[in-house]
Amino acid sequence: MEIKLIEFIINEFLTDNDIEISTDTKLISSGIIDSFSLVSLQLYIEREFDKKIPNPKMTIENCDSVKQIINLINQY
């Protein structure tokens, strides 16, 4: 799950190839992902992992790192 999420984020949202993403990289607070990107991420999670995450749960607090996203996915 971790590798798939990191690959998706790199392929969909990164414009700078010099940035490395780890499970603890700040995604939203660093500007890698914005509010529009959260929708794409949410749809990817639903499609790839068959997990439907409610819109109110897709927040900075829950999605600012891959580790937080995995924790969120595991709740559903």
N, C-alpha and C. Protein backbone atom coordinates (compact mmCIF):
# COMPACT_ATOMS: atom_id res chain seq x y z
N MET A 1 0.83 -1.19 0.00
CA MET A 1 0.00 0.00 0.00
C MET A 1 0.88 1.26 0.00
N GLU A 2 1.91 1.22 0.82
CA GLU A 2 2.81 2.37 0.94
C GLU A 2 3.45 2.70 -0.42
N ILE A 3 3.97 1.69 -1.08
CA ILE A 3 4.64 1.90 -2.37
C ILE A 3 3.66 2.42 -3.42
N LYS A 4 2.48 1.85 -3.46
CA LYS A 4 1.47 2.29 -4.44
C LYS A 4 1.09 3.75 -4.21
N LEU A 5 0.89 4.13 -2.96
CA LEU A 5 0.54 5.52 -2.66
C LEU A 5 1.66 6.47 -3.04
N ILE A 6 2.88 6.13 -2.70
CA ILE A 6 4.02 6.99 -3.03
C ILE A 6 4.16 7.12 -4.54
N GLU A 7 4.03 6.01 -5.27
CA GLU A 7 4.13 6.07 -6.73
C GLU A 7 3.03 6.94 -7.33
N PHE A 8 1.81 6.80 -6.81
CA PHE A 8 0.70 7.62 -7.30
C PHE A 8 0.98 9.10 -7.07
N ILE A 9 1.42 9.44 -5.88
CA ILE A 9 1.70 10.85 -5.55
C ILE A 9 2.81 11.39 -6.45
N ILE A 10 3.86 10.62 -6.64
CA ILE A 10 4.96 11.07 -7.50
C ILE A 10 4.47 11.28 -8.93
N ASN A 11 3.74 10.31 -9.46
CA ASN A 11 3.30 10.38 -10.85
C ASN A 11 2.23 11.44 -11.09
N GLU A 12 1.37 11.67 -10.12
CA GLU A 12 0.24 12.58 -10.32
C GLU A 12 0.50 14.02 -9.89
N PHE A 13 1.30 14.22 -8.88
CA PHE A 13 1.37 15.54 -8.26
C PHE A 13 2.74 16.22 -8.28
N LEU A 14 3.81 15.46 -8.44
CA LEU A 14 5.14 16.08 -8.39
C LEU A 14 5.54 16.66 -9.74
N THR A 15 5.98 17.88 -9.71
CA THR A 15 6.53 18.49 -10.92
C THR A 15 8.04 18.61 -10.82
N ASP A 16 8.57 18.49 -9.61
CA ASP A 16 10.01 18.58 -9.37
C ASP A 16 10.55 17.18 -9.10
N ASN A 17 11.33 16.66 -10.01
CA ASN A 17 11.86 15.30 -9.87
C ASN A 17 12.90 15.17 -8.76
N ASP A 18 13.35 16.28 -8.21
CA ASP A 18 14.35 16.24 -7.15
C ASP A 18 13.74 15.98 -5.76
N ILE A 19 12.42 16.07 -5.66
CA ILE A 19 11.76 15.84 -4.37
C ILE A 19 11.57 14.35 -4.17
N GLU A 20 11.97 13.89 -2.99
CA GLU A 20 11.77 12.48 -2.63
C GLU A 20 10.62 12.39 -1.64
N ILE A 21 9.82 11.37 -1.82
CA ILE A 21 8.66 11.16 -0.95
C ILE A 21 8.92 9.93 -0.08
N SER A 22 8.71 10.09 1.22
CA SER A 22 8.76 8.96 2.15
C SER A 22 7.41 8.89 2.85
N THR A 23 7.28 7.98 3.76
CA THR A 23 6.00 7.86 4.48
C THR A 23 5.74 9.05 5.39
N ASP A 24 6.79 9.79 5.76
CA ASP A 24 6.63 10.92 6.66
C ASP A 24 6.69 12.29 5.98
N THR A 25 6.90 12.31 4.66
CA THR A 25 6.96 13.58 3.93
C THR A 25 5.64 14.33 4.08
N LYS A 26 5.73 15.60 4.44
CA LYS A 26 4.53 16.43 4.55
C LYS A 26 4.01 16.75 3.15
N LEU A 27 2.84 16.29 2.85
CA LEU A 27 2.29 16.42 1.51
C LEU A 27 1.49 17.69 1.30
N ILE A 28 0.60 17.98 2.22
CA ILE A 28 -0.27 19.16 2.08
C ILE A 28 0.43 20.40 2.60
N SER A 29 0.98 20.31 3.80
CA SER A 29 1.60 21.49 4.39
C SER A 29 2.85 21.94 3.63
N SER A 30 3.44 21.05 2.82
CA SER A 30 4.59 21.44 2.01
C SER A 30 4.18 21.89 0.61
N GLY A 31 2.90 21.73 0.26
CA GLY A 31 2.41 22.18 -1.03
C GLY A 31 2.46 21.14 -2.14
N ILE A 32 2.84 19.91 -1.83
CA ILE A 32 2.87 18.86 -2.85
C ILE A 32 1.45 18.52 -3.29
N ILE A 33 0.54 18.45 -2.33
CA ILE A 33 -0.87 18.16 -2.61
C ILE A 33 -1.70 19.36 -2.16
N ASP A 34 -2.69 19.73 -2.99
CA ASP A 34 -3.63 20.79 -2.61
C ASP A 34 -5.02 20.19 -2.46
N SER A 35 -6.00 21.02 -2.19
CA SER A 35 -7.35 20.52 -1.94
C SER A 35 -7.94 19.80 -3.15
N PHE A 36 -7.60 20.25 -4.35
CA PHE A 36 -8.09 19.57 -5.54
C PHE A 36 -7.44 18.20 -5.69
N SER A 37 -6.19 18.11 -5.32
CA SER A 37 -5.46 16.84 -5.39
C SER A 37 -6.02 15.82 -4.42
N LEU A 38 -6.57 16.28 -3.30
CA LEU A 38 -7.16 15.36 -2.33
C LEU A 38 -8.31 14.58 -2.95
N VAL A 39 -9.06 15.21 -3.84
CA VAL A 39 -10.17 14.52 -4.51
C VAL A 39 -9.61 13.40 -5.38
N SER A 40 -8.56 13.68 -6.14
CA SER A 40 -7.92 12.65 -6.97
C SER A 40 -7.38 11.52 -6.10
N LEU A 41 -6.77 11.88 -5.00
CA LEU A 41 -6.24 10.88 -4.07
C LEU A 41 -7.37 10.02 -3.50
N GLN A 42 -8.45 10.64 -3.14
CA GLN A 42 -9.60 9.93 -2.59
C GLN A 42 -10.15 8.94 -3.62
N LEU A 43 -10.27 9.35 -4.86
CA LEU A 43 -10.77 8.46 -5.91
C LEU A 43 -9.78 7.31 -6.17
N TYR A 44 -8.50 7.61 -6.12
CA TYR A 44 -7.50 6.57 -6.29
C TYR A 44 -7.60 5.53 -5.18
N ILE A 45 -7.73 5.98 -3.95
CA ILE A 45 -7.85 5.06 -2.81
C ILE A 45 -9.07 4.16 -2.99
N GLU A 46 -10.17 4.74 -3.40
CA GLU A 46 -11.38 3.95 -3.59
C GLU A 46 -11.19 2.91 -4.69
N ARG A 47 -10.58 3.31 -5.78
CA ARG A 47 -10.37 2.41 -6.91
C ARG A 47 -9.30 1.35 -6.62
N GLU A 48 -8.18 1.77 -6.07
CA GLU A 48 -7.04 0.88 -5.89
C GLU A 48 -7.18 -0.06 -4.69
N PHE A 49 -7.74 0.45 -3.60
CA PHE A 49 -7.80 -0.32 -2.35
C PHE A 49 -9.22 -0.69 -1.94
N ASP A 50 -10.19 -0.31 -2.76
CA ASP A 50 -11.60 -0.60 -2.49
C ASP A 50 -12.03 -0.10 -1.10
N LYS A 51 -11.59 1.12 -0.79
CA LYS A 51 -11.93 1.76 0.49
C LYS A 51 -12.59 3.10 0.21
N LYS A 52 -13.79 3.27 0.70
CA LYS A 52 -14.51 4.53 0.51
C LYS A 52 -14.32 5.39 1.75
N ILE A 53 -13.58 6.47 1.59
CA ILE A 53 -13.31 7.37 2.71
C ILE A 53 -14.26 8.56 2.59
N PRO A 54 -15.02 8.85 3.63
CA PRO A 54 -15.96 9.98 3.58
C PRO A 54 -15.23 11.31 3.37
N ASN A 55 -15.84 12.19 2.60
CA ASN A 55 -15.25 13.50 2.31
C ASN A 55 -14.76 14.24 3.55
N PRO A 56 -15.54 14.28 4.64
CA PRO A 56 -15.08 15.03 5.82
C PRO A 56 -13.77 14.49 6.43
N LYS A 57 -13.41 13.26 6.11
CA LYS A 57 -12.18 12.66 6.66
C LYS A 57 -10.94 13.01 5.85
N MET A 58 -11.14 13.54 4.64
CA MET A 58 -10.00 13.89 3.78
C MET A 58 -9.53 15.30 4.16
N THR A 59 -8.79 15.38 5.26
CA THR A 59 -8.33 16.65 5.80
C THR A 59 -6.81 16.68 5.90
N ILE A 60 -6.27 17.86 6.18
CA ILE A 60 -4.83 18.00 6.40
C ILE A 60 -4.39 17.10 7.54
N GLU A 61 -5.18 17.05 8.58
CA GLU A 61 -4.82 16.25 9.76
C GLU A 61 -4.74 14.77 9.43
N ASN A 62 -5.56 14.29 8.49
CA ASN A 62 -5.60 12.87 8.16
C ASN A 62 -4.76 12.50 6.94
N CYS A 63 -4.35 13.47 6.13
CA CYS A 63 -3.73 13.16 4.84
C CYS A 63 -2.44 13.92 4.57
N ASP A 64 -1.76 14.39 5.59
CA ASP A 64 -0.55 15.20 5.36
C ASP A 64 0.71 14.36 5.14
N SER A 65 0.59 13.06 5.28
CA SER A 65 1.72 12.17 4.98
C SER A 65 1.16 10.83 4.53
N VAL A 66 1.99 10.05 3.87
CA VAL A 66 1.57 8.72 3.43
C VAL A 66 1.22 7.87 4.64
N LYS A 67 1.98 8.02 5.71
CA LYS A 67 1.70 7.26 6.94
C LYS A 67 0.29 7.58 7.46
N GLN A 68 -0.08 8.86 7.46
CA GLN A 68 -1.41 9.25 7.91
C GLN A 68 -2.49 8.73 6.97
N ILE A 69 -2.22 8.74 5.68
CA ILE A 69 -3.19 8.24 4.70
C ILE A 69 -3.41 6.75 4.90
N ILE A 70 -2.35 6.00 5.14
CA ILE A 70 -2.48 4.56 5.38
C ILE A 70 -3.29 4.32 6.64
N ASN A 71 -3.04 5.08 7.69
CA ASN A 71 -3.84 4.96 8.92
C ASN A 71 -5.31 5.23 8.65
N LEU A 72 -5.59 6.22 7.84
CA LEU A 72 -6.96 6.55 7.48
C LEU A 72 -7.60 5.41 6.69
N ILE A 73 -6.90 4.90 5.70
CA ILE A 73 -7.42 3.79 4.89
C ILE A 73 -7.73 2.59 5.77
N ASN A 74 -6.87 2.31 6.72
CA ASN A 74 -7.06 1.15 7.58
C ASN A 74 -8.26 1.28 8.52
N GLN A 75 -8.79 2.48 8.65
CA GLN A 75 -9.99 2.68 9.47
C GLN A 75 -11.25 2.24 8.73
N TYR A 76 -11.15 2.04 7.43
CA TYR A 76 -12.35 1.73 6.62
C TYR A 76 -12.28 0.42 5.93
